[in-house]
C-alpha atoms as a PDB file:
ATOM      1  CA  MET A   1    -223.781-147.604  -1.492  1.00  0.00           C
ATOM      2  CA  ILE A   2    -221.529-150.318  -2.870  1.00  0.00           C
ATOM      3  CA  PRO A   3    -218.490-151.001  -0.708  1.00  0.00           C
ATOM      4  CA  PHE A   4    -215.099-151.226  -2.352  1.00  0.00           C
ATOM      5  CA  ARG A   5    -212.823-154.062  -1.422  1.00  0.00           C
ATOM      6  CA  VAL A   6    -209.083-153.732  -1.565  1.00  0.00           C
ATOM      7  CA  MET A   7    -206.379-156.284  -0.989  1.00  0.00           C
ATOM      8  CA  VAL A   8    -203.215-154.683   0.297  1.00  0.00           C
ATOM      9  CA  ASP A   9    -200.067-156.545  -0.713  1.00  0.00           C
ATOM     10  CA  PRO A  10    -197.848-157.623   2.160  1.00  0.00           C
ATOM     11  CA  LYS A  11    -195.117-155.138   3.064  1.00  0.00           C
ATOM     12  CA  LYS A  12    -192.593-157.931   2.469  1.00  0.00           C
ATOM     13  CA  GLY A  13    -193.316-157.819  -1.282  1.00  0.00           C
ATOM     14  CA  LEU A  14    -192.674-154.075  -1.404  1.00  0.00           C
ATOM     15  CA  ILE A  15    -189.420-154.388   0.488  1.00  0.00           C
ATOM     16  CA  GLN A  16    -188.167-156.942  -2.040  1.00  0.00           C
ATOM     17  CA  ARG A  17    -188.496-154.256  -4.745  1.00  0.00           C
ATOM     18  CA  PHE A  18    -185.856-152.247  -2.856  1.00  0.00           C
ATOM     19  CA  HIS A  19    -183.128-154.854  -3.445  1.00  0.00           C
ATOM     20  CA  GLY A  20    -179.851-153.169  -4.380  1.00  0.00           C
ATOM     21  CA  SER A  21    -180.804-149.823  -2.878  1.00  0.00           C
ATOM     22  CA  ASN A  22    -178.473-148.158  -0.415  1.00  0.00           C
ATOM     23  CA  PHE A  23    -180.964-145.537   0.796  1.00  0.00           C
ATOM     24  CA  ILE A  24    -184.601-145.994   1.788  1.00  0.00           C
ATOM     25  CA  THR A  25    -186.804-143.309   3.258  1.00  0.00           C
ATOM     26  CA  THR A  26    -190.347-143.653   4.562  1.00  0.00           C
ATOM     27  CA  THR A  27    -192.916-140.958   5.177  1.00  0.00           C
ATOM     28  CA  ASP A  28    -195.900-141.839   7.357  1.00  0.00           C
ATOM     29  CA  LEU A  29    -199.024-139.972   6.265  1.00  0.00           C
ATOM     30  CA  SER A  30    -201.349-141.163   9.035  1.00  0.00           C
ATOM     31  CA  SER A  31    -202.496-137.683  10.034  1.00  0.00           C
ATOM     32  CA  VAL A  32    -203.244-136.859   6.383  1.00  0.00           C
ATOM     33  CA  PHE A  33    -205.638-139.795   6.259  1.00  0.00           C
ATOM     34  CA  LEU A  34    -208.233-137.850   8.252  1.00  0.00           C
ATOM     35  CA  LYS A  35    -208.147-134.869   5.861  1.00  0.00           C
ATOM     36  CA  LEU A  36    -209.909-136.534   2.898  1.00  0.00           C
ATOM     37  CA  LEU A  37    -213.188-134.706   2.436  1.00  0.00           C
ATOM     38  CA  LEU A  38    -216.340-136.677   1.696  1.00  0.00           C
ATOM     39  CA  TYR A  39    -218.789-135.652  -0.987  1.00  0.00           C
ATOM     40  CA  ILE A  40    -221.892-134.100   0.569  1.00  0.00           C
ATOM     41  CA  THR A  41    -224.015-136.860  -0.971  1.00  0.00           C
ATOM     42  CA  SER A  42    -221.862-139.527   0.727  1.00  0.00           C
ATOM     43  CA  ARG A  43    -222.057-138.060   4.214  1.00  0.00           C
ATOM     44  CA  LYS A  44    -225.462-139.583   4.912  1.00  0.00           C
ATOM     45  CA  TRP A  45    -223.813-143.021   4.940  1.00  0.00           C
ATOM     46  CA  THR A  46    -221.591-141.974   7.853  1.00  0.00           C
ATOM     47  CA  SER A  47    -224.419-140.818  10.116  1.00  0.00           C
ATOM     48  CA  PHE A  48    -224.662-142.031  13.679  1.00  0.00           C
ATOM     49  CA  LYS A  49    -226.713-141.113  16.726  1.00  0.00           C
ATOM     50  CA  PHE A  50    -225.229-140.278  20.108  1.00  0.00           C
ATOM     51  CA  GLY A  51    -227.706-139.354  22.807  1.00  0.00           C
ATOM     52  CA  ASN A  52    -230.326-137.133  21.192  1.00  0.00           C
ATOM     53  CA  GLN A  53    -228.001-135.801  18.485  1.00  0.00           C
ATOM     54  CA  VAL A  54    -227.340-137.120  14.973  1.00  0.00           C
ATOM     55  CA  TYR A  55    -223.837-136.619  13.549  1.00  0.00           C
ATOM     56  CA  GLN A  56    -222.241-137.054  10.122  1.00  0.00           C
ATOM     57  CA  TYR A  57    -218.601-137.263   9.161  1.00  0.00           C
ATOM     58  CA  LYS A  58    -217.287-134.582   6.799  1.00  0.00           C
ATOM     59  CA  VAL A  59    -213.991-136.413   6.289  1.00  0.00           C
ATOM     60  CA  VAL A  60    -213.127-140.074   5.758  1.00  0.00           C
ATOM     61  CA  SER A  61    -213.200-141.962   9.020  1.00  0.00           C
ATOM     62  CA  ASN A  62    -210.313-144.264   9.869  1.00  0.00           C
ATOM     63  CA  GLY A  63    -212.549-147.271  10.575  1.00  0.00           C
ATOM     64  CA  MET A  64    -214.804-147.228   7.521  1.00  0.00           C
ATOM     65  CA  ASN A  65    -214.745-150.072   4.969  1.00  0.00           C
ATOM     66  CA  ASN A  66    -213.791-147.817   2.069  1.00  0.00           C
ATOM     67  CA  SER A  67    -211.269-145.683   3.967  1.00  0.00           C
ATOM     68  CA  VAL A  68    -208.124-147.528   2.948  1.00  0.00           C
ATOM     69  CA  LEU A  69    -209.118-147.766  -0.709  1.00  0.00           C
ATOM     70  CA  ALA A  70    -210.089-144.093  -0.867  1.00  0.00           C
ATOM     71  CA  PHE A  71    -206.767-143.068   0.633  1.00  0.00           C
ATOM     72  CA  ILE A  72    -204.763-145.327  -1.714  1.00  0.00           C
ATOM     73  CA  GLN A  73    -206.642-143.909  -4.714  1.00  0.00           C
ATOM     74  CA  VAL A  74    -205.958-140.319  -3.638  1.00  0.00           C
ATOM     75  CA  LEU A  75    -202.262-141.101  -3.153  1.00  0.00           C
ATOM     76  CA  GLY A  76    -202.171-142.537  -6.666  1.00  0.00           C
ATOM     77  CA  ILE A  77    -203.741-139.387  -8.091  1.00  0.00           C
ATOM     78  CA  VAL A  78    -201.500-137.003  -6.154  1.00  0.00           C
ATOM     79  CA  LEU A  79    -198.223-138.855  -6.703  1.00  0.00           C
ATOM     80  CA  GLY A  80    -198.998-139.967 -10.256  1.00  0.00           C
ATOM     81  CA  ASP A  81    -196.260-141.946 -11.965  1.00  0.00           C
ATOM     82  CA  GLY A  82    -193.500-140.413  -9.874  1.00  0.00           C
ATOM     83  CA  LEU A  83    -193.003-143.529  -7.770  1.00  0.00           C
ATOM     84  CA  LYS A  84    -193.189-146.245 -10.430  1.00  0.00           C
ATOM     85  CA  GLU A  85    -189.477-147.095 -10.452  1.00  0.00           C
ATOM     86  CA  ASN A  86    -188.087-145.880  -7.134  1.00  0.00           C
ATOM     87  CA  GLY A  87    -190.953-145.890  -4.721  1.00  0.00           C
ATOM     88  CA  ALA A  88    -194.039-147.523  -3.372  1.00  0.00           C
ATOM     89  CA  THR A  89    -197.094-146.667  -1.339  1.00  0.00           C
ATOM     90  CA  TYR A  90    -198.363-148.934   1.401  1.00  0.00           C
ATOM     91  CA  VAL A  91    -201.628-147.845   3.014  1.00  0.00           C
ATOM     92  CA  ASP A  92    -200.488-144.582   4.684  1.00  0.00           C
ATOM     93  CA  ASP A  93    -196.744-144.861   4.005  1.00  0.00           C
ATOM     94  CA  VAL A  94    -194.741-143.562   1.059  1.00  0.00           C
ATOM     95  CA  ASP A  95    -191.425-145.384   0.611  1.00  0.00           C
ATOM     96  CA  VAL A  96    -188.683-144.082  -1.690  1.00  0.00           C
ATOM     97  CA  HIS A  97    -185.463-145.963  -2.431  1.00  0.00           C
ATOM     98  CA  SER A  98    -182.313-145.221  -4.372  1.00  0.00           C
ATOM     99  CA  VAL A  99    -178.756-146.410  -4.937  1.00  0.00           C
ATOM    100  CA  CYS A 100    -177.255-142.971  -4.184  1.00  0.00           C
ATOM    101  CA  PHE A 101    -178.529-140.300  -1.817  1.00  0.00           C
ATOM    102  CA  GLU A 102    -178.714-137.512  -4.408  1.00  0.00           C
ATOM    103  CA  ASP A 103    -181.178-139.482  -6.556  1.00  0.00           C
ATOM    104  CA  ILE A 104    -183.810-139.366  -3.811  1.00  0.00           C
ATOM    105  CA  TYR A 105    -184.245-135.626  -4.417  1.00  0.00           C
ATOM    106  CA  ASP A 106    -184.951-136.253  -8.116  1.00  0.00           C
ATOM    107  CA  ILE A 107    -187.842-138.567  -7.346  1.00  0.00           C
END
């Protein structure tokens, strides 16, 4: 298994993109993070032994090396190009900004 490495830009850089906006909303998706299913062939890499039992994760674990990258990639697939101009994702947050309140619903 080859680990992915991801560099997450500082939140300060994302906030600077919101210059001129009057409304900013943030959605925290931390509980969604634990819902990403692993391929059956990848589960063997998450195995651990506790007592006399061997366990495997069926979902992405919060502490794994590839967890953040996998979650960011899934967010990119799900949200597509919808956030290019008026939004940003930061690890498990989705930030949307707009000059007027009504525009937030269009994003």
